[in-house]
Structures are given as structure tokens and as C-alpha cells.
Amino acid sequence: MRRALGVICAMFLIAALAAGCATSSAIGDARAQLQKAKAAGAEYSAPNEYFAAEAYLGQAVRQAEKGDNKQADIFTKQSNDYSTKALGMAKGGAK
């Protein structure tokens, strides 16, 4: 819970610093996809994919904070891919 809160706070910071930037939009989309996976129970049904998505999202946020938007976009795409896979493994939604 504490780690998730830290990631969410960092993402809000990035969104505030890079308002209107394509990178912040992509990070927001990745965050939303990760939340969908979490709501579907992917933490338990697809833990490897879920936590990989969370880690890549954290890396994307850190790279965006440093100003490396190209690397942030790469990590964001990887996060999205893992979130999508986790969501599929969790059967697509909360019951």
C-alpha cells in the first residue's frame, strides 16, 4: 500500500510538471490501465505481470522527472503491455 501511494504521488507530480505533454498523457493512460488490472484482481491472479507493469510505470515516472521523455515513453509502453497482459490473465474485470 505504501509503495502504491508513493507511485501515485510521483505520478501526480509528473502530471503537474508536464501538463499538456504527450509523456504525461501516456503515463496517465498507463496508470489507468494498471488500475484496471488491479481492480480485476491481477495482483493475485497475474502477480508477475502486475508488478512488472507497476515497476515499469515507476521507471517511466522517474525518467520523465529527469526529462528523458524518450526513455519514459519506452517504459510507459512496457507498463501498458504488462498491464494489458495482467488484465487478460485476470479474466478482464472484477466480479
Protein backbone atom coordinates (compact mmCIF):
# COMPACT_ATOMS: atom_id res chain seq x y z
CA MET A 1 0.00 0.00 0.00
CA ARG A 2 2.78 2.39 0.91
CA ARG A 3 4.63 1.74 -2.34
CA ALA A 4 1.47 2.22 -4.39
CA LEU A 5 0.79 5.52 -2.63
CA GLY A 6 4.34 6.67 -3.40
CA VAL A 7 3.93 5.75 -7.06
CA ILE A 8 0.62 7.56 -7.28
CA CYS A 9 2.08 10.69 -5.64
CA ALA A 10 5.03 10.62 -8.03
CA MET A 11 2.68 10.28 -10.99
CA PHE A 12 0.63 13.27 -9.87
CA LEU A 13 3.84 15.27 -9.53
CA ILE A 14 4.85 14.34 -13.06
CA ALA A 15 1.41 15.22 -14.38
CA ALA A 16 1.61 18.61 -12.70
CA LEU A 17 5.12 19.32 -14.00
CA ALA A 18 4.49 18.19 -17.53
CA ALA A 19 0.91 19.33 -18.07
CA GLY A 20 -0.06 19.15 -21.71
CA CYS A 21 2.90 16.95 -22.58
CA ALA A 22 2.34 13.73 -24.50
CA THR A 23 4.52 11.88 -22.00
CA SER A 24 2.34 12.81 -19.04
CA SER A 25 -0.73 11.75 -21.01
CA ALA A 26 0.84 8.38 -21.79
CA ILE A 27 1.81 7.94 -18.13
CA GLY A 28 -1.75 8.76 -17.12
CA ASP A 29 -3.08 6.17 -19.58
CA ALA A 30 -0.63 3.57 -18.24
CA ARG A 31 -1.70 4.40 -14.69
CA ALA A 32 -5.35 3.92 -15.64
CA GLN A 33 -4.58 0.57 -17.27
CA LEU A 34 -2.71 -0.55 -14.16
CA GLN A 35 -5.69 0.45 -12.01
CA LYS A 36 -7.98 -1.63 -14.24
CA ALA A 37 -5.69 -4.61 -13.78
CA LYS A 38 -5.67 -4.08 -10.02
CA ALA A 39 -9.47 -3.83 -9.92
CA ALA A 40 -9.64 -7.11 -11.84
CA GLY A 41 -7.54 -8.83 -9.18
CA ALA A 42 -4.37 -9.10 -11.24
CA GLU A 43 -2.22 -8.63 -8.13
CA TYR A 44 -3.20 -12.18 -7.20
CA SER A 45 -4.08 -13.86 -10.49
CA ALA A 46 -1.15 -12.45 -12.51
CA PRO A 47 1.33 -11.10 -9.95
CA ASN A 48 4.40 -11.20 -12.18
CA GLU A 49 2.75 -9.18 -14.92
CA TYR A 50 1.06 -6.80 -12.50
CA PHE A 51 4.20 -5.97 -10.54
CA ALA A 52 6.27 -5.72 -13.74
CA ALA A 53 3.75 -3.16 -15.01
CA GLU A 54 3.98 -1.28 -11.72
CA ALA A 55 7.79 -1.29 -11.85
CA TYR A 56 7.91 -0.08 -15.46
CA LEU A 57 5.44 2.68 -14.61
CA GLY A 58 7.69 3.78 -11.74
CA GLN A 59 10.66 3.84 -14.10
CA ALA A 60 8.66 5.88 -16.61
CA VAL A 61 7.84 8.43 -13.92
CA ARG A 62 11.48 8.67 -12.83
CA GLN A 63 12.69 9.12 -16.40
CA ALA A 64 10.07 11.79 -17.06
CA GLU A 65 11.21 13.60 -13.90
CA LYS A 66 14.74 13.58 -15.27
CA GLY A 67 13.49 14.95 -18.59
CA ASP A 68 14.25 11.80 -20.60
CA ASN A 69 10.92 11.62 -22.39
CA LYS A 70 12.10 9.08 -24.96
CA GLN A 71 13.02 6.54 -22.28
CA ALA A 72 9.89 7.42 -20.29
CA ASP A 73 7.77 6.60 -23.34
CA ILE A 74 9.53 3.24 -23.72
CA PHE A 75 8.90 2.35 -20.08
CA THR A 76 5.31 3.56 -20.35
CA LYS A 77 4.68 1.27 -23.32
CA GLN A 78 6.18 -1.67 -21.45
CA SER A 79 4.00 -0.89 -18.43
CA ASN A 80 0.93 -0.76 -20.64
CA ASP A 81 1.81 -4.07 -22.28
CA TYR A 82 2.24 -5.82 -18.93
CA SER A 83 -0.95 -4.25 -17.53
CA THR A 84 -2.91 -5.43 -20.55
CA LYS A 85 -1.49 -8.93 -20.19
CA ALA A 86 -2.26 -8.97 -16.44
CA LEU A 87 -5.80 -7.76 -17.12
CA GLY A 88 -6.30 -10.55 -19.64
CA MET A 89 -4.96 -13.15 -17.21
CA ALA A 90 -7.34 -11.82 -14.55
CA LYS A 91 -10.19 -12.52 -16.98
CA GLY A 92 -10.77 -8.88 -17.82
CA GLY A 93 -12.57 -7.47 -14.83
CA ALA A 94 -13.67 -7.56 -11.24
CA LYS A 95 -16.53 -9.90 -10.45
